[in-house]
């Protein structure tokens, strides 16, 4: 099942112990809000970035919500303090979530980057 794409940039400055995660955009997201007309379906997406170390959440931040948009552009940066000694133990989890005013927010998709993940995210 095709869920869409998310474009991010990562930059780590070891001397400053600073990790910058920039959420650039999402494309072709799966429509999650069905309003009776399938062709008018949209989503209200936002992106949540979580830093995890040894299966424990360290920090989380999120972007703004882009209403009724399957191809949102964010260009939003998030800064995290990550000491150089911790850098090899930190995973980044990026979740694209559909905001709902009524009921629960739904995860459209997610990706993990770091030493705990296999494949290209590693």
PDB file of N, CA and C in Angstrom:
ATOM      1  N   UNK A   1       0.852  -1.182   0.000  1.00  0.00           N
ATOM      2  CA  UNK A   1       0.000   0.000   0.000  1.00  0.00           C
ATOM      3  C   UNK A   1       0.895   1.242   0.000  1.00  0.00           C
ATOM      4  N   UNK A   2       0.615   2.146  -0.891  1.00  0.00           N
ATOM      5  CA  UNK A   2       1.382   3.383  -1.008  1.00  0.00           C
ATOM      6  C   UNK A   2       0.860   4.403   0.008  1.00  0.00           C
ATOM      7  N   UNK A   3       1.762   4.883   0.871  1.00  0.00           N
ATOM      8  CA  UNK A   3       1.369   5.823   1.916  1.00  0.00           C
ATOM      9  C   UNK A   3       1.847   7.236   1.637  1.00  0.00           C
ATOM     10  N   UNK A   4       2.818   7.396   0.726  1.00  0.00           N
ATOM     11  CA  UNK A   4       3.355   8.704   0.402  1.00  0.00           C
ATOM     12  C   UNK A   4       4.830   8.788   0.727  1.00  0.00           C
ATOM     13  N   UNK A   5       5.377   9.981   0.595  1.00  0.00           N
ATOM     14  CA  UNK A   5       6.800  10.219   0.819  1.00  0.00           C
ATOM     15  C   UNK A   5       6.981  11.414   1.740  1.00  0.00           C
ATOM     16  N   UNK A   6       8.070  11.385   2.490  1.00  0.00           N
ATOM     17  CA  UNK A   6       8.441  12.522   3.329  1.00  0.00           C
ATOM     18  C   UNK A   6       9.890  12.869   3.001  1.00  0.00           C
ATOM     19  N   UNK A   7      10.170  14.149   2.836  1.00  0.00           N
ATOM     20  CA  UNK A   7      11.525  14.618   2.557  1.00  0.00           C
ATOM     21  C   UNK A   7      12.029  15.378   3.770  1.00  0.00           C
ATOM     22  N   UNK A   8      13.181  14.928   4.291  1.00  0.00           N
ATOM     23  CA  UNK A   8      13.791  15.577   5.453  1.00  0.00           C
ATOM     24  C   UNK A   8      15.268  15.805   5.179  1.00  0.00           C
ATOM     25  N   UNK A   9      15.872  16.699   5.939  1.00  0.00           N
ATOM     26  CA  UNK A   9      17.326  16.837   5.942  1.00  0.00           C
ATOM     27  C   UNK A   9      17.803  16.698   7.381  1.00  0.00           C
ATOM     28  N   UNK A  10      18.974  16.095   7.529  1.00  0.00           N
ATOM     29  CA  UNK A  10      19.583  15.922   8.841  1.00  0.00           C
ATOM     30  C   UNK A  10      20.948  16.587   8.826  1.00  0.00           C
ATOM     31  N   UNK A  11      21.269  17.263   9.916  1.00  0.00           N
ATOM     32  CA  UNK A  11      22.592  17.860  10.061  1.00  0.00           C
ATOM     33  C   UNK A  11      23.001  17.724  11.523  1.00  0.00           C
ATOM     34  N   UNK A  12      24.187  17.144  11.747  1.00  0.00           N
ATOM     35  CA  UNK A  12      24.683  16.991  13.108  1.00  0.00           C
ATOM     36  C   UNK A  12      26.000  17.736  13.257  1.00  0.00           C
ATOM     37  N   UNK A  13      26.082  18.605  14.251  1.00  0.00           N
ATOM     38  CA  UNK A  13      27.300  19.342  14.563  1.00  0.00           C
ATOM     39  C   UNK A  13      27.877  18.776  15.857  1.00  0.00           C
ATOM     40  N   UNK A  14      28.882  17.880  15.750  1.00  0.00           N
ATOM     41  CA  UNK A  14      29.428  17.235  16.947  1.00  0.00           C
ATOM     42  C   UNK A  14      30.009  18.218  17.950  1.00  0.00           C
ATOM     43  N   UNK A  15      30.675  19.261  17.461  1.00  0.00           N
ATOM     44  CA  UNK A  15      31.304  20.218  18.376  1.00  0.00           C
ATOM     45  C   UNK A  15      30.271  20.956  19.234  1.00  0.00           C
ATOM     46  N   UNK A  16      29.079  21.169  18.677  1.00  0.00           N
ATOM     47  CA  UNK A  16      28.023  21.856  19.415  1.00  0.00           C
ATOM     48  C   UNK A  16      27.056  20.868  20.074  1.00  0.00           C
ATOM     49  N   UNK A  17      27.148  19.583  19.705  1.00  0.00           N
ATOM     50  CA  UNK A  17      26.203  18.608  20.234  1.00  0.00           C
ATOM     51  C   UNK A  17      24.793  18.911  19.794  1.00  0.00           C
ATOM     52  N   UNK A  18      24.639  19.337  18.540  1.00  0.00           N
ATOM     53  CA  UNK A  18      23.344  19.797  18.048  1.00  0.00           C
ATOM     54  C   UNK A  18      22.933  19.024  16.801  1.00  0.00           C
ATOM     55  N   UNK A  19      21.732  18.453  16.847  1.00  0.00           N
ATOM     56  CA  UNK A  19      21.142  17.768  15.704  1.00  0.00           C
ATOM     57  C   UNK A  19      20.004  18.616  15.161  1.00  0.00           C
ATOM     58  N   UNK A  20      20.054  18.895  13.862  1.00  0.00           N
ATOM     59  CA  UNK A  20      18.999  19.649  13.199  1.00  0.00           C
ATOM     60  C   UNK A  20      18.245  18.713  12.260  1.00  0.00           C
ATOM     61  N   UNK A  21      16.944  18.639  12.445  1.00  0.00           N
ATOM     62  CA  UNK A  21      16.073  17.860  11.568  1.00  0.00           C
ATOM     63  C   UNK A  21      15.141  18.851  10.896  1.00  0.00           C
ATOM     64  N   UNK A  22      15.205  18.914   9.574  1.00  0.00           N
ATOM     65  CA  UNK A  22      14.318  19.800   8.826  1.00  0.00           C
ATOM     66  C   UNK A  22      13.326  18.956   8.051  1.00  0.00           C
ATOM     67  N   UNK A  23      12.053  19.176   8.311  1.00  0.00           N
ATOM     68  CA  UNK A  23      10.997  18.518   7.544  1.00  0.00           C
ATOM     69  C   UNK A  23      10.706  19.438   6.368  1.00  0.00           C
ATOM     70  N   UNK A  24      11.047  18.965   5.177  1.00  0.00           N
ATOM     71  CA  UNK A  24      10.904  19.791   3.980  1.00  0.00           C
ATOM     72  C   UNK A  24       9.479  19.715   3.439  1.00  0.00           C
ATOM     73  N   UNK A  25       9.036  18.493   3.098  1.00  0.00           N
ATOM     74  CA  UNK A  25       7.692  18.346   2.531  1.00  0.00           C
ATOM     75  C   UNK A  25       7.267  16.884   2.563  1.00  0.00           C
ATOM     76  N   UNK A  26       5.992  16.674   2.281  1.00  0.00           N
ATOM     77  CA  UNK A  26       5.445  15.338   2.077  1.00  0.00           C
ATOM     78  C   UNK A  26       4.766  15.345   0.713  1.00  0.00           C
ATOM     79  N   UNK A  27       4.739  14.183   0.084  1.00  0.00           N
ATOM     80  CA  UNK A  27       4.114  14.091  -1.239  1.00  0.00           C
ATOM     81  C   UNK A  27       3.268  12.837  -1.336  1.00  0.00           C
ATOM     82  N   UNK A  28       2.155  12.978  -2.045  1.00  0.00           N
ATOM     83  CA  UNK A  28       1.274  11.843  -2.356  1.00  0.00           C
ATOM     84  C   UNK A  28       0.840  11.070  -1.115  1.00  0.00           C
ATOM     85  N   UNK A  29       0.484  11.806  -0.063  1.00  0.00           N
ATOM     86  CA  UNK A  29       0.050  11.142   1.166  1.00  0.00           C
ATOM     87  C   UNK A  29      -1.286  10.440   0.955  1.00  0.00           C
ATOM     88  N   UNK A  30      -1.486   9.391   1.715  1.00  0.00           N
ATOM     89  CA  UNK A  30      -2.755   8.670   1.681  1.00  0.00           C
ATOM     90  C   UNK A  30      -3.839   9.545   2.300  1.00  0.00           C
ATOM     91  N   UNK A  31      -4.984   9.622   1.637  1.00  0.00           N
ATOM     92  CA  UNK A  31      -6.116  10.377   2.175  1.00  0.00           C
ATOM     93  C   UNK A  31      -6.704   9.623   3.361  1.00  0.00           C
ATOM     94  N   UNK A  32      -6.852  10.306   4.476  1.00  0.00           N
ATOM     95  CA  UNK A  32      -7.370   9.678   5.690  1.00  0.00           C
ATOM     96  C   UNK A  32      -8.759  10.198   6.055  1.00  0.00           C
ATOM     97  N   UNK A  33      -9.107  11.421   5.605  1.00  0.00           N
ATOM     98  CA  UNK A  33     -10.409  12.007   5.911  1.00  0.00           C
ATOM     99  C   UNK A  33     -11.348  11.733   4.745  1.00  0.00           C
ATOM    100  N   UNK A  34     -12.320  10.874   4.961  1.00  0.00           N
ATOM    101  CA  UNK A  34     -13.281  10.567   3.909  1.00  0.00           C
ATOM    102  C   UNK A  34     -14.593  11.237   4.278  1.00  0.00           C
ATOM    103  N   UNK A  35     -14.974  12.218   3.464  1.00  0.00           N
ATOM    104  CA  UNK A  35     -16.146  13.035   3.760  1.00  0.00           C
ATOM    105  C   UNK A  35     -17.351  12.642   2.916  1.00  0.00           C
ATOM    106  N   UNK A  36     -17.512  11.367   2.647  1.00  0.00           N
ATOM    107  CA  UNK A  36     -18.661  10.931   1.867  1.00  0.00           C
ATOM    108  C   UNK A  36     -18.380  10.882   0.385  1.00  0.00           C
ATOM    109  N   UNK A  37     -17.448  11.680  -0.105  1.00  0.00           N
ATOM    110  CA  UNK A  37     -17.082  11.677  -1.515  1.00  0.00           C
ATOM    111  C   UNK A  37     -15.624  11.281  -1.609  1.00  0.00           C
ATOM    112  N   UNK A  38     -15.360  10.086  -2.092  1.00  0.00           N
ATOM    113  CA  UNK A  38     -14.002   9.556  -2.105  1.00  0.00           C
ATOM    114  C   UNK A  38     -13.048  10.465  -2.855  1.00  0.00           C
ATOM    115  N   UNK A  39     -13.502  11.091  -3.949  1.00  0.00           N
ATOM    116  CA  UNK A  39     -12.614  11.938  -4.740  1.00  0.00           C
ATOM    117  C   UNK A  39     -12.272  13.250  -4.044  1.00  0.00           C
ATOM    118  N   UNK A  40     -12.980  13.612  -3.001  1.00  0.00           N
ATOM    119  CA  UNK A  40     -12.694  14.833  -2.249  1.00  0.00           C
ATOM    120  C   UNK A  40     -11.925  14.544  -0.960  1.00  0.00           C
ATOM    121  N   UNK A  41     -11.499  13.318  -0.774  1.00  0.00           N
ATOM    122  CA  UNK A  41     -10.828  12.939   0.465  1.00  0.00           C
ATOM    123  C   UNK A  41      -9.489  13.647   0.593  1.00  0.00           C
ATOM    124  N   UNK A  42      -9.190  14.061   1.792  1.00  0.00           N
ATOM    125  CA  UNK A  42      -7.931  14.750   2.086  1.00  0.00           C
ATOM    126  C   UNK A  42      -7.392  14.242   3.415  1.00  0.00           C
ATOM    127  N   UNK A  43      -6.324  14.866   3.853  1.00  0.00           N
ATOM    128  CA  UNK A  43      -5.771  14.636   5.178  1.00  0.00           C
ATOM    129  C   UNK A  43      -5.368  15.980   5.756  1.00  0.00           C
ATOM    130  N   UNK A  44      -5.209  16.036   7.059  1.00  0.00           N
ATOM    131  CA  UNK A  44      -4.722  17.228   7.760  1.00  0.00           C
ATOM    132  C   UNK A  44      -3.398  16.826   8.409  1.00  0.00           C
ATOM    133  N   UNK A  45      -2.329  16.692   7.613  1.00  0.00           N
ATOM    134  CA  UNK A  45      -1.105  16.094   8.130  1.00  0.00           C
ATOM    135  C   UNK A  45      -0.207  17.036   8.922  1.00  0.00           C
ATOM    136  N   UNK A  46       0.510  16.418   9.852  1.00  0.00           N
ATOM    137  CA  UNK A  46       1.647  17.050  10.516  1.00  0.00           C
ATOM    138  C   UNK A  46       2.696  15.969  10.716  1.00  0.00           C
ATOM    139  N   UNK A  47       3.923  16.381  10.996  1.00  0.00           N
ATOM    140  CA  UNK A  47       5.013  15.427  11.164  1.00  0.00           C
ATOM    141  C   UNK A  47       5.544  15.542  12.583  1.00  0.00           C
ATOM    142  N   UNK A  48       5.678  14.386  13.239  1.00  0.00           N
ATOM    143  CA  UNK A  48       6.240  14.333  14.586  1.00  0.00           C
ATOM    144  C   UNK A  48       7.613  13.673  14.494  1.00  0.00           C
ATOM    145  N   UNK A  49       8.609  14.303  15.096  1.00  0.00           N
ATOM    146  CA  UNK A  49       9.965  13.762  15.124  1.00  0.00           C
ATOM    147  C   UNK A  49      10.280  13.406  16.574  1.00  0.00           C
ATOM    148  N   UNK A  50      10.674  12.148  16.792  1.00  0.00           N
ATOM    149  CA  UNK A  50      10.995  11.671  18.138  1.00  0.00           C
ATOM    150  C   UNK A  50      12.440  11.200  18.173  1.00  0.00           C
ATOM    151  N   UNK A  51      13.162  11.588  19.209  1.00  0.00           N
ATOM    152  CA  UNK A  51      14.498  11.068  19.469  1.00  0.00           C
ATOM    153  C   UNK A  51      14.371   9.995  20.534  1.00  0.00           C
ATOM    154  N   UNK A  52      14.945   8.814  20.249  1.00  0.00           N
ATOM    155  CA  UNK A  52      14.838   7.674  21.132  1.00  0.00           C
ATOM    156  C   UNK A  52      16.234   7.145  21.422  1.00  0.00           C
ATOM    157  N   UNK A  53      16.509   6.839  22.675  1.00  0.00           N
ATOM    158  CA  UNK A  53      17.778   6.237  23.056  1.00  0.00           C
ATOM    159  C   UNK A  53      17.489   5.043  23.961  1.00  0.00           C
ATOM    160  N   UNK A  54      17.972   3.880  23.554  1.00  0.00           N
ATOM    161  CA  UNK A  54      17.770   2.647  24.323  1.00  0.00           C
ATOM    162  C   UNK A  54      16.292   2.417  24.621  1.00  0.00           C
ATOM    163  N   UNK A  55      15.467   2.541  23.588  1.00  0.00           N
ATOM    164  CA  UNK A  55      14.006   2.327  23.643  1.00  0.00           C
ATOM    165  C   UNK A  55      13.280   3.315  24.540  1.00  0.00           C
ATOM    166  N   UNK A  56      13.904   4.435  24.859  1.00  0.00           N
ATOM    167  CA  UNK A  56      13.290   5.444  25.722  1.00  0.00           C
ATOM    168  C   UNK A  56      13.244   6.773  24.971  1.00  0.00           C
ATOM    169  N   UNK A  57      12.046   7.394  24.930  1.00  0.00           N
ATOM    170  CA  UNK A  57      11.908   8.687  24.256  1.00  0.00           C
ATOM    171  C   UNK A  57      12.696   9.748  25.010  1.00  0.00           C
ATOM    172  N   UNK A  58      13.501  10.494  24.272  1.00  0.00           N
ATOM    173  CA  UNK A  58      14.260  11.588  24.876  1.00  0.00           C
ATOM    174  C   UNK A  58      13.527  12.905  24.664  1.00  0.00           C
ATOM    175  N   UNK A  59      13.199  13.180  23.413  1.00  0.00           N
ATOM    176  CA  UNK A  59      12.510  14.429  23.046  1.00  0.00           C
ATOM    177  C   UNK A  59      11.580  14.156  21.887  1.00  0.00           C
ATOM    178  N   UNK A  60      10.571  15.002  21.733  1.00  0.00           N
ATOM    179  CA  UNK A  60       9.708  14.950  20.559  1.00  0.00           C
ATOM    180  C   UNK A  60       9.276  16.362  20.201  1.00  0.00           C
ATOM    181  N   UNK A  61       9.168  16.595  18.911  1.00  0.00           N
ATOM    182  CA  UNK A  61       8.720  17.888  18.403  1.00  0.00           C
ATOM    183  C   UNK A  61       7.856  17.626  17.183  1.00  0.00           C
ATOM    184  N   UNK A  62       7.007  18.590  16.837  1.00  0.00           N
ATOM    185  CA  UNK A  62       6.153  18.394  15.675  1.00  0.00           C
ATOM    186  C   UNK A  62       6.017  19.670  14.857  1.00  0.00           C
ATOM    187  N   UNK A  63       5.629  19.473  13.612  1.00  0.00           N
ATOM    188  CA  UNK A  63       5.438  20.590  12.693  1.00  0.00           C
ATOM    189  C   UNK A  63       4.034  21.164  12.881  1.00  0.00           C
ATOM    190  N   UNK A  64       3.751  22.178  12.112  1.00  0.00           N
ATOM    191  CA  UNK A  64       2.396  22.716  12.074  1.00  0.00           C
ATOM    192  C   UNK A  64       1.500  21.755  11.292  1.00  0.00           C
ATOM    193  N   UNK A  65       0.207  21.909  11.423  1.00  0.00           N
ATOM    194  CA  UNK A  65      -0.776  21.084  10.711  1.00  0.00           C
ATOM    195  C   UNK A  65      -1.108  21.786   9.399  1.00  0.00           C
ATOM    196  N   UNK A  66      -1.086  21.033   8.316  1.00  0.00           N
ATOM    197  CA  UNK A  66      -1.453  21.572   7.000  1.00  0.00           C
ATOM    198  C   UNK A  66      -2.823  20.998   6.638  1.00  0.00           C
ATOM    199  N   UNK A  67      -3.836  21.831   6.707  1.00  0.00           N
ATOM    200  CA  UNK A  67      -5.222  21.400   6.527  1.00  0.00           C
ATOM    201  C   UNK A  67      -5.528  21.009   5.080  1.00  0.00           C
ATOM    202  N   UNK A  68      -6.272  19.900   4.941  1.00  0.00           N
ATOM    203  CA  UNK A  68      -6.783  19.415   3.660  1.00  0.00           C
ATOM    204  C   UNK A  68      -5.719  19.419   2.572  1.00  0.00           C
ATOM    205  N   UNK A  69      -4.623  18.704   2.841  1.00  0.00           N
ATOM    206  CA  UNK A  69      -3.476  18.749   1.941  1.00  0.00           C
ATOM    207  C   UNK A  69      -2.797  17.388   1.885  1.00  0.00           C
ATOM    208  N   UNK A  70      -2.639  16.854   0.679  1.00  0.00           N
ATOM    209  CA  UNK A  70      -1.943  15.583   0.501  1.00  0.00           C
ATOM    210  C   UNK A  70      -0.504  15.780   0.036  1.00  0.00           C
ATOM    211  N   UNK A  71      -0.113  17.044  -0.211  1.00  0.00           N
ATOM    212  CA  UNK A  71       1.246  17.380  -0.642  1.00  0.00           C
ATOM    213  C   UNK A  71       1.750  18.610   0.123  1.00  0.00           C
ATOM    214  N   UNK A  72       1.789  18.537   1.453  1.00  0.00           N
ATOM    215  CA  UNK A  72       2.143  19.723   2.246  1.00  0.00           C
ATOM    216  C   UNK A  72       3.629  20.072   2.160  1.00  0.00           C
ATOM    217  N   UNK A  73       3.895  21.364   2.197  1.00  0.00           N
ATOM    218  CA  UNK A  73       5.265  21.881   2.271  1.00  0.00           C
ATOM    219  C   UNK A  73       5.425  22.496   3.662  1.00  0.00           C
ATOM    220  N   UNK A  74       6.468  22.075   4.383  1.00  0.00           N
ATOM    221  CA  UNK A  74       6.695  22.538   5.748  1.00  0.00           C
ATOM    222  C   UNK A  74       7.903  23.470   5.848  1.00  0.00           C
ATOM    223  N   UNK A  75       9.069  23.003   5.421  1.00  0.00           N
ATOM    224  CA  UNK A  75      10.316  23.753   5.604  1.00  0.00           C
ATOM    225  C   UNK A  75      10.474  24.213   7.050  1.00  0.00           C
ATOM    226  N   UNK A  76      10.250  23.296   7.985  1.00  0.00           N
ATOM    227  CA  UNK A  76      10.349  23.592   9.414  1.00  0.00           C
ATOM    228  C   UNK A  76      11.516  22.817  10.021  1.00  0.00           C
ATOM    229  N   UNK A  77      12.372  23.527  10.746  1.00  0.00           N
ATOM    230  CA  UNK A  77      13.541  22.902  11.378  1.00  0.00           C
ATOM    231  C   UNK A  77      13.298  22.701  12.865  1.00  0.00           C
ATOM    232  N   UNK A  78      13.862  21.619  13.365  1.00  0.00           N
ATOM    233  CA  UNK A  78      13.769  21.282  14.779  1.00  0.00           C
ATOM    234  C   UNK A  78      15.179  21.007  15.276  1.00  0.00           C
ATOM    235  N   UNK A  79      15.537  21.603  16.396  1.00  0.00           N
ATOM    236  CA  UNK A  79      16.869  21.410  16.959  1.00  0.00           C
ATOM    237  C   UNK A  79      16.791  20.535  18.201  1.00  0.00           C
ATOM    238  N   UNK A  80      17.729  19.590  18.277  1.00  0.00           N
ATOM    239  CA  UNK A  80      17.820  18.688  19.416  1.00  0.00           C
ATOM    240  C   UNK A  80      19.246  18.712  19.946  1.00  0.00           C
ATOM    241  N   UNK A  81      19.395  18.690  21.258  1.00  0.00           N
ATOM    242  CA  UNK A  81      20.720  18.574  21.875  1.00  0.00           C
ATOM    243  C   UNK A  81      21.066  17.104  22.005  1.00  0.00           C
ATOM    244  N   UNK A  82      22.144  16.687  21.316  1.00  0.00           N
ATOM    245  CA  UNK A  82      22.609  15.306  21.353  1.00  0.00           C
ATOM    246  C   UNK A  82      24.117  15.341  21.552  1.00  0.00           C
ATOM    247  N   UNK A  83      24.566  14.929  22.727  1.00  0.00           N
ATOM    248  CA  UNK A  83      26.002  14.913  22.997  1.00  0.00           C
ATOM    249  C   UNK A  83      26.706  13.925  22.073  1.00  0.00           C
ATOM    250  N   UNK A  84      27.945  14.215  21.756  1.00  0.00           N
ATOM    251  CA  UNK A  84      28.703  13.368  20.852  1.00  0.00           C
ATOM    252  C   UNK A  84      28.790  11.928  21.364  1.00  0.00           C
ATOM    253  N   UNK A  85      28.866  11.769  22.685  1.00  0.00           N
ATOM    254  CA  UNK A  85      28.928  10.433  23.273  1.00  0.00           C
ATOM    255  C   UNK A  85      27.630   9.651  23.064  1.00  0.00           C
ATOM    256  N   UNK A  86      26.505  10.362  22.912  1.00  0.00           N
ATOM    257  CA  UNK A  86      25.199   9.730  22.731  1.00  0.00           C
ATOM    258  C   UNK A  86      24.863   9.475  21.262  1.00  0.00           C
ATOM    259  N   UNK A  87      25.560  10.116  20.351  1.00  0.00           N
ATOM    260  CA  UNK A  87      25.173  10.135  18.943  1.00  0.00           C
ATOM    261  C   UNK A  87      25.018   8.737  18.338  1.00  0.00           C
ATOM    262  N   UNK A  88      25.842   7.784  18.741  1.00  0.00           N
ATOM    263  CA  UNK A  88      25.765   6.436  18.175  1.00  0.00           C
ATOM    264  C   UNK A  88      24.626   5.607  18.756  1.00  0.00           C
ATOM    265  N   UNK A  89      23.975   6.104  19.795  1.00  0.00           N
ATOM    266  CA  UNK A  89      22.887   5.366  20.444  1.00  0.00           C
ATOM    267  C   UNK A  89      21.513   5.979  20.190  1.00  0.00           C
ATOM    268  N   UNK A  90      21.450   7.019  19.385  1.00  0.00           N
ATOM    269  CA  UNK A  90      20.198   7.744  19.200  1.00  0.00           C
ATOM    270  C   UNK A  90      19.522   7.336  17.892  1.00  0.00           C
ATOM    271  N   UNK A  91      18.231   7.040  17.988  1.00  0.00           N
ATOM    272  CA  UNK A  91      17.397   6.763  16.816  1.00  0.00           C
ATOM    273  C   UNK A  91      16.463   7.945  16.606  1.00  0.00           C
ATOM    274  N   UNK A  92      16.100   8.161  15.361  1.00  0.00           N
ATOM    275  CA  UNK A  92      15.145   9.206  15.000  1.00  0.00           C
ATOM    276  C   UNK A  92      13.932   8.517  14.400  1.00  0.00           C
ATOM    277  N   UNK A  93      12.761   8.783  14.952  1.00  0.00           N
ATOM    278  CA  UNK A  93      11.522   8.236  14.411  1.00  0.00           C
ATOM    279  C   UNK A  93      10.713   9.402  13.852  1.00  0.00           C
ATOM    280  N   UNK A  94      10.348   9.290  12.588  1.00  0.00           N
ATOM    281  CA  UNK A  94       9.596  10.337  11.907  1.00  0.00           C
ATOM    282  C   UNK A  94       8.227   9.776  11.568  1.00  0.00           C
ATOM    283  N   UNK A  95       7.192  10.384  12.141  1.00  0.00           N
ATOM    284  CA  UNK A  95       5.816   9.928  11.926  1.00  0.00           C
ATOM    285  C   UNK A  95       5.036  11.009  11.186  1.00  0.00           C
ATOM    286  N   UNK A  96       4.323  10.609  10.147  1.00  0.00           N
ATOM    287  CA  UNK A  96       3.397  11.504   9.460  1.00  0.00           C
ATOM    288  C   UNK A  96       2.010  11.133   9.971  1.00  0.00           C
ATOM    289  N   UNK A  97       1.330  12.122  10.533  1.00  0.00           N
ATOM    290  CA  UNK A  97       0.083  11.873  11.261  1.00  0.00           C
ATOM    291  C   UNK A  97      -1.024  12.765  10.715  1.00  0.00           C
ATOM    292  N   UNK A  98      -2.221  12.194  10.619  1.00  0.00           N
ATOM    293  CA  UNK A  98      -3.402  12.948  10.211  1.00  0.00           C
ATOM    294  C   UNK A  98      -4.104  13.457  11.461  1.00  0.00           C
ATOM    295  N   UNK A  99      -4.210  14.772  11.577  1.00  0.00           N
ATOM    296  CA  UNK A  99      -4.875  15.398  12.719  1.00  0.00           C
ATOM    297  C   UNK A  99      -6.389  15.266  12.570  1.00  0.00           C
ATOM    298  N   UNK A 100      -7.063  14.902  13.639  1.00  0.00           N
ATOM    299  CA  UNK A 100      -8.524  14.832  13.662  1.00  0.00           C
ATOM    300  C   UNK A 100      -9.035  15.607  14.859  1.00  0.00           C
ATOM    301  N   UNK A 101      -9.990  16.489  14.637  1.00  0.00           N
ATOM    302  CA  UNK A 101     -10.596  17.236  15.738  1.00  0.00           C
ATOM    303  C   UNK A 101     -11.439  16.328  16.621  1.00  0.00           C
ATOM    304  N   UNK A 102     -12.118  15.388  15.969  1.00  0.00           N
ATOM    305  CA  UNK A 102     -12.962  14.451  16.704  1.00  0.00           C
ATOM    306  C   UNK A 102     -12.320  13.077  16.576  1.00  0.00           C
ATOM    307  N   UNK A 103     -12.132  12.417  17.690  1.00  0.00           N
ATOM    308  CA  UNK A 103     -11.516  11.093  17.649  1.00  0.00           C
ATOM    309  C   UNK A 103     -10.003  11.185  17.752  1.00  0.00           C
ATOM    310  N   UNK A 104      -9.350  10.093  17.402  1.00  0.00           N
ATOM    311  CA  UNK A 104      -7.893  10.000  17.548  1.00  0.00           C
ATOM    312  C   UNK A 104      -7.200  10.403  16.258  1.00  0.00           C
ATOM    313  N   UNK A 105      -6.032  10.989  16.410  1.00  0.00           N
ATOM    314  CA  UNK A 105      -5.181  11.243  15.262  1.00  0.00           C
ATOM    315  C   UNK A 105      -4.692   9.898  14.733  1.00  0.00           C
ATOM    316  N   UNK A 106      -4.561   9.794  13.397  1.00  0.00           N
ATOM    317  CA  UNK A 106      -4.174   8.527  12.790  1.00  0.00           C
ATOM    318  C   UNK A 106      -2.796   8.647  12.160  1.00  0.00           C
ATOM    319  N   UNK A 107      -1.961   7.642  12.355  1.00  0.00           N
ATOM    320  CA  UNK A 107      -0.645   7.627  11.727  1.00  0.00           C
ATOM    321  C   UNK A 107      -0.816   7.223  10.273  1.00  0.00           C
ATOM    322  N   UNK A 108      -0.319   8.070   9.372  1.00  0.00           N
ATOM    323  CA  UNK A 108      -0.336   7.748   7.947  1.00  0.00           C
ATOM    324  C   UNK A 108       0.823   6.797   7.643  1.00  0.00           C
ATOM    325  N   UNK A 109       1.981   7.086   8.219  1.00  0.00           N
ATOM    326  CA  UNK A 109       3.153   6.237   8.031  1.00  0.00           C
ATOM    327  C   UNK A 109       4.297   6.744   8.878  1.00  0.00           C
ATOM    328  N   UNK A 110       5.359   5.938   8.982  1.00  0.00           N
ATOM    329  CA  UNK A 110       6.511   6.350   9.776  1.00  0.00           C
ATOM    330  C   UNK A 110       7.766   5.687   9.237  1.00  0.00           C
ATOM    331  N   UNK A 111       8.906   6.265   9.614  1.00  0.00           N
ATOM    332  CA  UNK A 111      10.206   5.720   9.239  1.00  0.00           C
ATOM    333  C   UNK A 111      11.155   5.906  10.422  1.00  0.00           C
ATOM    334  N   UNK A 112      12.038   4.942  10.597  1.00  0.00           N
ATOM    335  CA  UNK A 112      13.031   5.015  11.661  1.00  0.00           C
ATOM    336  C   UNK A 112      14.426   5.100  11.083  1.00  0.00           C
ATOM    337  N   UNK A 113      15.247   5.962  11.667  1.00  0.00           N
ATOM    338  CA  UNK A 113      16.629   6.137  11.225  1.00  0.00           C
ATOM    339  C   UNK A 113      17.527   5.973  12.447  1.00  0.00           C
ATOM    340  N   UNK A 114      18.534   5.123  12.332  1.00  0.00           N
ATOM    341  CA  UNK A 114      19.466   4.963  13.434  1.00  0.00           C
ATOM    342  C   UNK A 114      19.935   3.541  13.612  1.00  0.00           C
ATOM    343  N   UNK A 115      20.743   3.306  14.637  1.00  0.00           N
ATOM    344  CA  UNK A 115      21.366   1.989  14.832  1.00  0.00           C
ATOM    345  C   UNK A 115      20.396   0.872  15.180  1.00  0.00           C
ATOM    346  N   UNK A 116      19.198   1.171  15.645  1.00  0.00           N
ATOM    347  CA  UNK A 116      18.227   0.128  16.006  1.00  0.00           C
ATOM    348  C   UNK A 116      17.453  -0.394  14.810  1.00  0.00           C
ATOM    349  N   UNK A 117      17.612   0.238  13.652  1.00  0.00           N
ATOM    350  CA  UNK A 117      16.831  -0.118  12.475  1.00  0.00           C
ATOM    351  C   UNK A 117      17.700  -0.805  11.430  1.00  0.00           C
ATOM    352  N   UNK A 118      17.111  -1.751  10.719  1.00  0.00           N
ATOM    353  CA  UNK A 118      17.802  -2.439   9.637  1.00  0.00           C
ATOM    354  C   UNK A 118      17.471  -1.769   8.307  1.00  0.00           C
ATOM    355  N   UNK A 119      18.264  -2.041   7.289  1.00  0.00           N
ATOM    356  CA  UNK A 119      17.982  -1.533   5.955  1.00  0.00           C
ATOM    357  C   UNK A 119      18.529  -0.144   5.743  1.00  0.00           C
ATOM    358  N   UNK A 120      17.889   0.594   4.844  1.00  0.00           N
ATOM    359  CA  UNK A 120      18.442   1.892   4.449  1.00  0.00           C
ATOM    360  C   UNK A 120      18.371   2.933   5.565  1.00  0.00           C
ATOM    361  N   UNK A 121      17.464   2.772   6.533  1.00  0.00           N
ATOM    362  CA  UNK A 121      17.376   3.714   7.648  1.00  0.00           C
ATOM    363  C   UNK A 121      18.562   3.626   8.592  1.00  0.00           C
ATOM    364  N   UNK A 122      19.245   2.480   8.574  1.00  0.00           N
ATOM    365  CA  UNK A 122      20.397   2.313   9.447  1.00  0.00           C
ATOM    366  C   UNK A 122      21.519   3.207   8.987  1.00  0.00           C
TER     367      UNK A 122
END
